[in-house]
Amino acid sequence: PMCRRADNQADAAKHAVSCANETSQRVAHFLFLVGSWCLGGGLIGLGVLCLVHPHFAADTYGLPLHASCATPTRTDEGWVIVTGL
């Protein structure tokens, strides 16, 4: 329910507290949703990066791969691709 105007002072005090609680709950819920979307988007982006450009993703992790990107076997980048999945 939305916060409504109270008819007397006692009700006004109760409504002020409930409105403040409701507002803080809405702000907390909004921040939770924004954080969840940011985390989800970042993880999806990181997964795609690991699948599409595993050598760049490994360098970004701080664990560069030893094989060159031109090698056809790509044995060294398996852990990056699995991480992306």
PDB file of N, CA and C in Angstrom:
ATOM      1  N   PRO A   1       0.828  -1.199   0.000  1.00  0.00           N
ATOM      2  CA  PRO A   1       0.000   0.000   0.000  1.00  0.00           C
ATOM      3  C   PRO A   1       0.864   1.252   0.000  1.00  0.00           C
ATOM      4  N   MET A   2       0.362   2.263  -0.622  1.00  0.00           N
ATOM      5  CA  MET A   2       1.074   3.533  -0.681  1.00  0.00           C
ATOM      6  C   MET A   2       0.908   4.279   0.634  1.00  0.00           C
ATOM      7  N   CYS A   3       1.835   5.156   0.939  1.00  0.00           N
ATOM      8  CA  CYS A   3       1.752   5.969   2.153  1.00  0.00           C
ATOM      9  C   CYS A   3       0.651   7.005   1.958  1.00  0.00           C
ATOM     10  N   ARG A   4      -0.215   7.079   2.947  1.00  0.00           N
ATOM     11  CA  ARG A   4      -1.339   8.020   2.873  1.00  0.00           C
ATOM     12  C   ARG A   4      -1.226   9.049   3.980  1.00  0.00           C
ATOM     13  N   ARG A   5      -1.939  10.109   3.812  1.00  0.00           N
ATOM     14  CA  ARG A   5      -1.979  11.167   4.810  1.00  0.00           C
ATOM     15  C   ARG A   5      -2.845  10.708   5.985  1.00  0.00           C
ATOM     16  N   ALA A   6      -2.352  10.945   7.194  1.00  0.00           N
ATOM     17  CA  ALA A   6      -3.069  10.525   8.394  1.00  0.00           C
ATOM     18  C   ALA A   6      -4.041  11.607   8.830  1.00  0.00           C
ATOM     19  N   ASP A   7      -5.092  11.188   9.574  1.00  0.00           N
ATOM     20  CA  ASP A   7      -6.113  12.128  10.031  1.00  0.00           C
ATOM     21  C   ASP A   7      -5.716  12.852  11.315  1.00  0.00           C
ATOM     22  N   ASN A   8      -4.956  12.203  12.201  1.00  0.00           N
ATOM     23  CA  ASN A   8      -4.558  12.869  13.440  1.00  0.00           C
ATOM     24  C   ASN A   8      -3.059  12.683  13.664  1.00  0.00           C
ATOM     25  N   GLN A   9      -2.535  13.310  14.741  1.00  0.00           N
ATOM     26  CA  GLN A   9      -1.096  13.308  14.963  1.00  0.00           C
ATOM     27  C   GLN A   9      -0.556  11.925  15.327  1.00  0.00           C
ATOM     28  N   ALA A  10      -1.307  11.170  16.101  1.00  0.00           N
ATOM     29  CA  ALA A  10      -0.835   9.830  16.479  1.00  0.00           C
ATOM     30  C   ALA A  10      -0.710   8.944  15.250  1.00  0.00           C
ATOM     31  N   ASP A  11      -1.715   9.003  14.401  1.00  0.00           N
ATOM     32  CA  ASP A  11      -1.643   8.228  13.164  1.00  0.00           C
ATOM     33  C   ASP A  11      -0.557   8.771  12.247  1.00  0.00           C
ATOM     34  N   ALA A  12      -0.344  10.072  12.273  1.00  0.00           N
ATOM     35  CA  ALA A  12       0.675  10.688  11.434  1.00  0.00           C
ATOM     36  C   ALA A  12       2.064  10.171  11.800  1.00  0.00           C
ATOM     37  N   ALA A  13       2.322  10.026  13.088  1.00  0.00           N
ATOM     38  CA  ALA A  13       3.620   9.513  13.528  1.00  0.00           C
ATOM     39  C   ALA A  13       3.809   8.066  13.090  1.00  0.00           C
ATOM     40  N   LYS A  14       2.766   7.248  13.234  1.00  0.00           N
ATOM     41  CA  LYS A  14       2.849   5.857  12.797  1.00  0.00           C
ATOM     42  C   LYS A  14       3.055   5.763  11.293  1.00  0.00           C
ATOM     43  N   HIS A  15       2.332   6.592  10.556  1.00  0.00           N
ATOM     44  CA  HIS A  15       2.456   6.570   9.097  1.00  0.00           C
ATOM     45  C   HIS A  15       3.822   7.066   8.647  1.00  0.00           C
ATOM     46  N   ALA A  16       4.386   8.029   9.358  1.00  0.00           N
ATOM     47  CA  ALA A  16       5.712   8.528   8.992  1.00  0.00           C
ATOM     48  C   ALA A  16       6.748   7.426   9.127  1.00  0.00           C
ATOM     49  N   VAL A  17       6.652   6.649  10.200  1.00  0.00           N
ATOM     50  CA  VAL A  17       7.591   5.547  10.402  1.00  0.00           C
ATOM     51  C   VAL A  17       7.375   4.473   9.351  1.00  0.00           C
ATOM     52  N   SER A  18       6.122   4.132   9.094  1.00  0.00           N
ATOM     53  CA  SER A  18       5.865   3.084   8.101  1.00  0.00           C
ATOM     54  C   SER A  18       6.254   3.544   6.702  1.00  0.00           C
ATOM     55  N   CYS A  19       6.056   4.823   6.397  1.00  0.00           N
ATOM     56  CA  CYS A  19       6.458   5.342   5.083  1.00  0.00           C
ATOM     57  C   CYS A  19       7.978   5.330   4.935  1.00  0.00           C
ATOM     58  N   ALA A  20       8.680   5.672   6.009  1.00  0.00           N
ATOM     59  CA  ALA A  20      10.145   5.639   5.963  1.00  0.00           C
ATOM     60  C   ALA A  20      10.637   4.214   5.764  1.00  0.00           C
ATOM     61  N   ASN A  21      10.023   3.264   6.470  1.00  0.00           N
ATOM     62  CA  ASN A  21      10.401   1.862   6.305  1.00  0.00           C
ATOM     63  C   ASN A  21      10.102   1.375   4.891  1.00  0.00           C
ATOM     64  N   GLU A  22       8.946   1.745   4.386  1.00  0.00           N
ATOM     65  CA  GLU A  22       8.562   1.332   3.038  1.00  0.00           C
ATOM     66  C   GLU A  22       9.512   1.916   1.998  1.00  0.00           C
ATOM     67  N   THR A  23       9.887   3.171   2.193  1.00  0.00           N
ATOM     68  CA  THR A  23      10.802   3.803   1.248  1.00  0.00           C
ATOM     69  C   THR A  23      12.170   3.139   1.294  1.00  0.00           C
ATOM     70  N   SER A  24      12.678   2.870   2.478  1.00  0.00           N
ATOM     71  CA  SER A  24      13.991   2.228   2.572  1.00  0.00           C
ATOM     72  C   SER A  24      13.950   0.810   2.008  1.00  0.00           C
ATOM     73  N   GLN A  25      12.838   0.115   2.175  1.00  0.00           N
ATOM     74  CA  GLN A  25      12.707  -1.223   1.597  1.00  0.00           C
ATOM     75  C   GLN A  25      12.680  -1.161   0.075  1.00  0.00           C
ATOM     76  N   ARG A  26      12.001  -0.163  -0.460  1.00  0.00           N
ATOM     77  CA  ARG A  26      11.963  -0.023  -1.923  1.00  0.00           C
ATOM     78  C   ARG A  26      13.339   0.312  -2.481  1.00  0.00           C
ATOM     79  N   VAL A  27      14.072   1.192  -1.792  1.00  0.00           N
ATOM     80  CA  VAL A  27      15.419   1.547  -2.247  1.00  0.00           C
ATOM     81  C   VAL A  27      16.332   0.327  -2.171  1.00  0.00           C
ATOM     82  N   ALA A  28      16.256  -0.423  -1.077  1.00  0.00           N
ATOM     83  CA  ALA A  28      17.080  -1.624  -0.935  1.00  0.00           C
ATOM     84  C   ALA A  28      16.755  -2.642  -2.024  1.00  0.00           C
ATOM     85  N   HIS A  29      15.476  -2.820  -2.318  1.00  0.00           N
ATOM     86  CA  HIS A  29      15.080  -3.765  -3.359  1.00  0.00           C
ATOM     87  C   HIS A  29      15.574  -3.299  -4.725  1.00  0.00           C
ATOM     88  N   PHE A  30      15.472  -2.009  -5.000  1.00  0.00           N
ATOM     89  CA  PHE A  30      15.946  -1.464  -6.278  1.00  0.00           C
ATOM     90  C   PHE A  30      17.455  -1.675  -6.418  1.00  0.00           C
ATOM     91  N   LEU A  31      18.212  -1.394  -5.358  1.00  0.00           N
ATOM     92  CA  LEU A  31      19.660  -1.590  -5.409  1.00  0.00           C
ATOM     93  C   LEU A  31      20.017  -3.064  -5.571  1.00  0.00           C
ATOM     94  N   PHE A  32      19.247  -3.940  -4.946  1.00  0.00           N
ATOM     95  CA  PHE A  32      19.457  -5.375  -5.128  1.00  0.00           C
ATOM     96  C   PHE A  32      19.253  -5.768  -6.590  1.00  0.00           C
ATOM     97  N   LEU A  33      18.196  -5.255  -7.208  1.00  0.00           N
ATOM     98  CA  LEU A  33      17.933  -5.576  -8.615  1.00  0.00           C
ATOM     99  C   LEU A  33      19.034  -5.039  -9.523  1.00  0.00           C
ATOM    100  N   VAL A  34      19.451  -3.810  -9.298  1.00  0.00           N
ATOM    101  CA  VAL A  34      20.519  -3.234 -10.124  1.00  0.00           C
ATOM    102  C   VAL A  34      21.803  -4.039  -9.961  1.00  0.00           C
ATOM    103  N   GLY A  35      22.137  -4.386  -8.726  1.00  0.00           N
ATOM    104  CA  GLY A  35      23.341  -5.187  -8.490  1.00  0.00           C
ATOM    105  C   GLY A  35      23.267  -6.553  -9.136  1.00  0.00           C
ATOM    106  N   SER A  36      22.098  -7.169  -9.086  1.00  0.00           N
ATOM    107  CA  SER A  36      21.927  -8.484  -9.712  1.00  0.00           C
ATOM    108  C   SER A  36      22.088  -8.408 -11.218  1.00  0.00           C
ATOM    109  N   TRP A  37      21.515  -7.384 -11.823  1.00  0.00           N
ATOM    110  CA  TRP A  37      21.652  -7.220 -13.265  1.00  0.00           C
ATOM    111  C   TRP A  37      23.099  -6.930 -13.656  1.00  0.00           C
ATOM    112  N   CYS A  38      23.790  -6.125 -12.881  1.00  0.00           N
ATOM    113  CA  CYS A  38      25.200  -5.838 -13.173  1.00  0.00           C
ATOM    114  C   CYS A  38      26.047  -7.099 -13.046  1.00  0.00           C
ATOM    115  N   LEU A  39      25.838  -7.862 -11.995  1.00  0.00           N
ATOM    116  CA  LEU A  39      26.593  -9.095 -11.801  1.00  0.00           C
ATOM    117  C   LEU A  39      26.299 -10.092 -12.917  1.00  0.00           C
ATOM    118  N   GLY A  40      25.027 -10.259 -13.238  1.00  0.00           N
ATOM    119  CA  GLY A  40      24.660 -11.190 -14.306  1.00  0.00           C
ATOM    120  C   GLY A  40      25.225 -10.780 -15.652  1.00  0.00           C
ATOM    121  N   GLY A  41      25.115  -9.502 -15.975  1.00  0.00           N
ATOM    122  CA  GLY A  41      25.655  -9.013 -17.247  1.00  0.00           C
ATOM    123  C   GLY A  41      27.162  -9.160 -17.317  1.00  0.00           C
ATOM    124  N   GLY A  42      27.826  -8.882 -16.210  1.00  0.00           N
ATOM    125  CA  GLY A  42      29.280  -9.027 -16.188  1.00  0.00           C
ATOM    126  C   GLY A  42      29.719 -10.468 -16.342  1.00  0.00           C
ATOM    127  N   LEU A  43      29.019 -11.388 -15.688  1.00  0.00           N
ATOM    128  CA  LEU A  43      29.379 -12.797 -15.810  1.00  0.00           C
ATOM    129  C   LEU A  43      29.097 -13.339 -17.211  1.00  0.00           C
ATOM    130  N   ILE A  44      27.997 -12.912 -17.805  1.00  0.00           N
ATOM    131  CA  ILE A  44      27.715 -13.340 -19.186  1.00  0.00           C
ATOM    132  C   ILE A  44      28.767 -12.783 -20.132  1.00  0.00           C
ATOM    133  N   GLY A  45      29.118 -11.509 -19.960  1.00  0.00           N
ATOM    134  CA  GLY A  45      30.164 -10.915 -20.797  1.00  0.00           C
ATOM    135  C   GLY A  45      31.499 -11.617 -20.631  1.00  0.00           C
ATOM    136  N   LEU A  46      31.840 -11.959 -19.413  1.00  0.00           N
ATOM    137  CA  LEU A  46      33.092 -12.660 -19.161  1.00  0.00           C
ATOM    138  C   LEU A  46      33.071 -14.056 -19.775  1.00  0.00           C
ATOM    139  N   GLY A  47      31.931 -14.728 -19.693  1.00  0.00           N
ATOM    140  CA  GLY A  47      31.819 -16.052 -20.301  1.00  0.00           C
ATOM    141  C   GLY A  47      31.964 -16.002 -21.813  1.00  0.00           C
ATOM    142  N   VAL A  48      31.336 -15.029 -22.425  1.00  0.00           N
ATOM    143  CA  VAL A  48      31.452 -14.878 -23.885  1.00  0.00           C
ATOM    144  C   VAL A  48      32.887 -14.549 -24.265  1.00  0.00           C
ATOM    145  N   LEU A  49      33.521 -13.677 -23.488  1.00  0.00           N
ATOM    146  CA  LEU A  49      34.912 -13.327 -23.770  1.00  0.00           C
ATOM    147  C   LEU A  49      35.811 -14.550 -23.658  1.00  0.00           C
ATOM    148  N   CYS A  50      35.569 -15.409 -22.685  1.00  0.00           N
ATOM    149  CA  CYS A  50      36.375 -16.622 -22.526  1.00  0.00           C
ATOM    150  C   CYS A  50      36.189 -17.580 -23.698  1.00  0.00           C
ATOM    151  N   LEU A  51      35.002 -17.617 -24.251  1.00  0.00           N
ATOM    152  CA  LEU A  51      34.752 -18.509 -25.381  1.00  0.00           C
ATOM    153  C   LEU A  51      35.272 -17.941 -26.692  1.00  0.00           C
ATOM    154  N   VAL A  52      35.135 -16.632 -26.885  1.00  0.00           N
ATOM    155  CA  VAL A  52      35.496 -16.020 -28.161  1.00  0.00           C
ATOM    156  C   VAL A  52      36.992 -15.692 -28.239  1.00  0.00           C
ATOM    157  N   HIS A  53      37.536 -15.105 -27.182  1.00  0.00           N
ATOM    158  CA  HIS A  53      38.952 -14.702 -27.162  1.00  0.00           C
ATOM    159  C   HIS A  53      39.621 -15.236 -25.888  1.00  0.00           C
ATOM    160  N   PRO A  54      39.901 -16.534 -25.849  1.00  0.00           N
ATOM    161  CA  PRO A  54      40.441 -17.113 -24.614  1.00  0.00           C
ATOM    162  C   PRO A  54      41.804 -16.555 -24.213  1.00  0.00           C
ATOM    163  N   HIS A  55      42.647 -16.207 -25.191  1.00  0.00           N
ATOM    164  CA  HIS A  55      43.967 -15.679 -24.830  1.00  0.00           C
ATOM    165  C   HIS A  55      43.843 -14.306 -24.173  1.00  0.00           C
ATOM    166  N   PHE A  56      42.997 -13.461 -24.697  1.00  0.00           N
ATOM    167  CA  PHE A  56      42.775 -12.146 -24.086  1.00  0.00           C
ATOM    168  C   PHE A  56      42.150 -12.299 -22.702  1.00  0.00           C
ATOM    169  N   ALA A  57      41.198 -13.225 -22.571  1.00  0.00           N
ATOM    170  CA  ALA A  57      40.560 -13.450 -21.273  1.00  0.00           C
ATOM    171  C   ALA A  57      41.567 -13.965 -20.255  1.00  0.00           C
ATOM    172  N   ALA A  58      42.467 -14.839 -20.671  1.00  0.00           N
ATOM    173  CA  ALA A  58      43.485 -15.354 -19.757  1.00  0.00           C
ATOM    174  C   ALA A  58      44.426 -14.242 -19.319  1.00  0.00           C
ATOM    175  N   ASP A  59      44.807 -13.377 -20.257  1.00  0.00           N
ATOM    176  CA  ASP A  59      45.641 -12.231 -19.890  1.00  0.00           C
ATOM    177  C   ASP A  59      44.907 -11.315 -18.925  1.00  0.00           C
ATOM    178  N   THR A  60      43.609 -11.150 -19.127  1.00  0.00           N
ATOM    179  CA  THR A  60      42.803 -10.318 -18.240  1.00  0.00           C
ATOM    180  C   THR A  60      42.731 -10.928 -16.844  1.00  0.00           C
ATOM    181  N   TYR A  61      42.674 -12.250 -16.753  1.00  0.00           N
ATOM    182  CA  TYR A  61      42.694 -12.934 -15.458  1.00  0.00           C
ATOM    183  C   TYR A  61      44.038 -12.752 -14.760  1.00  0.00           C
ATOM    184  N   GLY A  62      45.085 -12.444 -15.544  1.00  0.00           N
ATOM    185  CA  GLY A  62      46.427 -12.346 -14.980  1.00  0.00           C
ATOM    186  C   GLY A  62      47.201 -13.639 -15.104  1.00  0.00           C
ATOM    187  N   LEU A  63      46.674 -14.581 -15.879  1.00  0.00           N
ATOM    188  CA  LEU A  63      47.329 -15.864 -16.102  1.00  0.00           C
ATOM    189  C   LEU A  63      47.501 -16.088 -17.602  1.00  0.00           C
ATOM    190  N   PRO A  64      48.503 -15.456 -18.197  1.00  0.00           N
ATOM    191  CA  PRO A  64      48.657 -15.574 -19.655  1.00  0.00           C
ATOM    192  C   PRO A  64      48.965 -17.005 -20.080  1.00  0.00           C
ATOM    193  N   LEU A  65      48.497 -17.332 -21.266  1.00  0.00           N
ATOM    194  CA  LEU A  65      48.716 -18.662 -21.823  1.00  0.00           C
ATOM    195  C   LEU A  65      50.079 -18.714 -22.496  1.00  0.00           C
ATOM    196  N   HIS A  66      50.671 -19.913 -22.540  1.00  0.00           N
ATOM    197  CA  HIS A  66      52.005 -20.059 -23.109  1.00  0.00           C
ATOM    198  C   HIS A  66      51.963 -20.277 -24.613  1.00  0.00           C
ATOM    199  N   ALA A  67      50.944 -20.932 -25.110  1.00  0.00           N
ATOM    200  CA  ALA A  67      50.845 -21.201 -26.548  1.00  0.00           C
ATOM    201  C   ALA A  67      50.395 -19.933 -27.265  1.00  0.00           C
ATOM    202  N   SER A  68      50.820 -19.808 -28.512  1.00  0.00           N
ATOM    203  CA  SER A  68      50.396 -18.639 -29.279  1.00  0.00           C
ATOM    204  C   SER A  68      48.973 -18.856 -29.780  1.00  0.00           C
ATOM    205  N   CYS A  69      48.319 -17.780 -30.105  1.00  0.00           N
ATOM    206  CA  CYS A  69      46.939 -17.876 -30.574  1.00  0.00           C
ATOM    207  C   CYS A  69      46.851 -18.526 -31.946  1.00  0.00           C
ATOM    208  N   ALA A  70      47.962 -18.581 -32.657  1.00  0.00           N
ATOM    209  CA  ALA A  70      47.943 -19.133 -34.008  1.00  0.00           C
ATOM    210  C   ALA A  70      48.048 -20.655 -34.018  1.00  0.00           C
ATOM    211  N   THR A  71      48.357 -21.257 -32.901  1.00  0.00           N
ATOM    212  CA  THR A  71      48.506 -22.712 -32.902  1.00  0.00           C
ATOM    213  C   THR A  71      47.146 -23.373 -33.081  1.00  0.00           C
ATOM    214  N   PRO A  72      47.065 -24.378 -33.944  1.00  0.00           N
ATOM    215  CA  PRO A  72      45.763 -25.000 -34.200  1.00  0.00           C
ATOM    216  C   PRO A  72      45.293 -25.929 -33.088  1.00  0.00           C
ATOM    217  N   THR A  73      46.198 -26.398 -32.215  1.00  0.00           N
ATOM    218  CA  THR A  73      45.779 -27.365 -31.210  1.00  0.00           C
ATOM    219  C   THR A  73      45.010 -26.717 -30.068  1.00  0.00           C
ATOM    220  N   ARG A  74      45.413 -25.556 -29.667  1.00  0.00           N
ATOM    221  CA  ARG A  74      44.752 -24.797 -28.612  1.00  0.00           C
ATOM    222  C   ARG A  74      44.642 -25.603 -27.321  1.00  0.00           C
ATOM    223  N   THR A  75      45.643 -26.409 -27.006  1.00  0.00           N
ATOM    224  CA  THR A  75      45.586 -27.223 -25.800  1.00  0.00           C
ATOM    225  C   THR A  75      45.760 -26.399 -24.531  1.00  0.00           C
ATOM    226  N   ASP A  76      46.426 -25.274 -24.652  1.00  0.00           N
ATOM    227  CA  ASP A  76      46.743 -24.466 -23.484  1.00  0.00           C
ATOM    228  C   ASP A  76      45.564 -23.619 -22.999  1.00  0.00           C
ATOM    229  N   GLU A  77      44.570 -23.446 -23.820  1.00  0.00           N
ATOM    230  CA  GLU A  77      43.476 -22.545 -23.445  1.00  0.00           C
ATOM    231  C   GLU A  77      42.216 -23.276 -23.006  1.00  0.00           C
ATOM    232  N   GLY A  78      42.299 -24.553 -22.760  1.00  0.00           N
ATOM    233  CA  GLY A  78      41.129 -25.331 -22.364  1.00  0.00           C
ATOM    234  C   GLY A  78      40.511 -24.849 -21.065  1.00  0.00           C
ATOM    235  N   TRP A  79      41.338 -24.494 -20.087  1.00  0.00           N
ATOM    236  CA  TRP A  79      40.790 -24.043 -18.799  1.00  0.00           C
ATOM    237  C   TRP A  79      40.036 -22.733 -18.947  1.00  0.00           C
ATOM    238  N   VAL A  80      40.460 -21.892 -19.897  1.00  0.00           N
ATOM    239  CA  VAL A  80      39.772 -20.608 -20.105  1.00  0.00           C
ATOM    240  C   VAL A  80      38.412 -20.856 -20.734  1.00  0.00           C
ATOM    241  N   ILE A  81      38.355 -21.745 -21.706  1.00  0.00           N
ATOM    242  CA  ILE A  81      37.090 -22.047 -22.366  1.00  0.00           C
ATOM    243  C   ILE A  81      36.118 -22.701 -21.387  1.00  0.00           C
ATOM    244  N   VAL A  82      36.608 -23.601 -20.548  1.00  0.00           N
ATOM    245  CA  VAL A  82      35.754 -24.238 -19.548  1.00  0.00           C
ATOM    246  C   VAL A  82      35.256 -23.206 -18.541  1.00  0.00           C
ATOM    247  N   THR A  83      36.096 -22.272 -18.175  1.00  0.00           N
ATOM    248  CA  THR A  83      35.684 -21.196 -17.276  1.00  0.00           C
ATOM    249  C   THR A  83      34.573 -20.375 -17.910  1.00  0.00           C
ATOM    250  N   GLY A  84      34.654 -20.148 -19.212  1.00  0.00           N
ATOM    251  CA  GLY A  84      33.629 -19.392 -19.909  1.00  0.00           C
ATOM    252  C   GLY A  84      32.288 -20.099 -19.944  1.00  0.00           C
ATOM    253  N   LEU A  85      32.318 -21.423 -19.942  1.00  0.00           N
ATOM    254  CA  LEU A  85      31.056 -22.168 -19.941  1.00  0.00           C
ATOM    255  C   LEU A  85      30.374 -22.049 -18.606  1.00  0.00           C
TER     256      LEU A  85
END
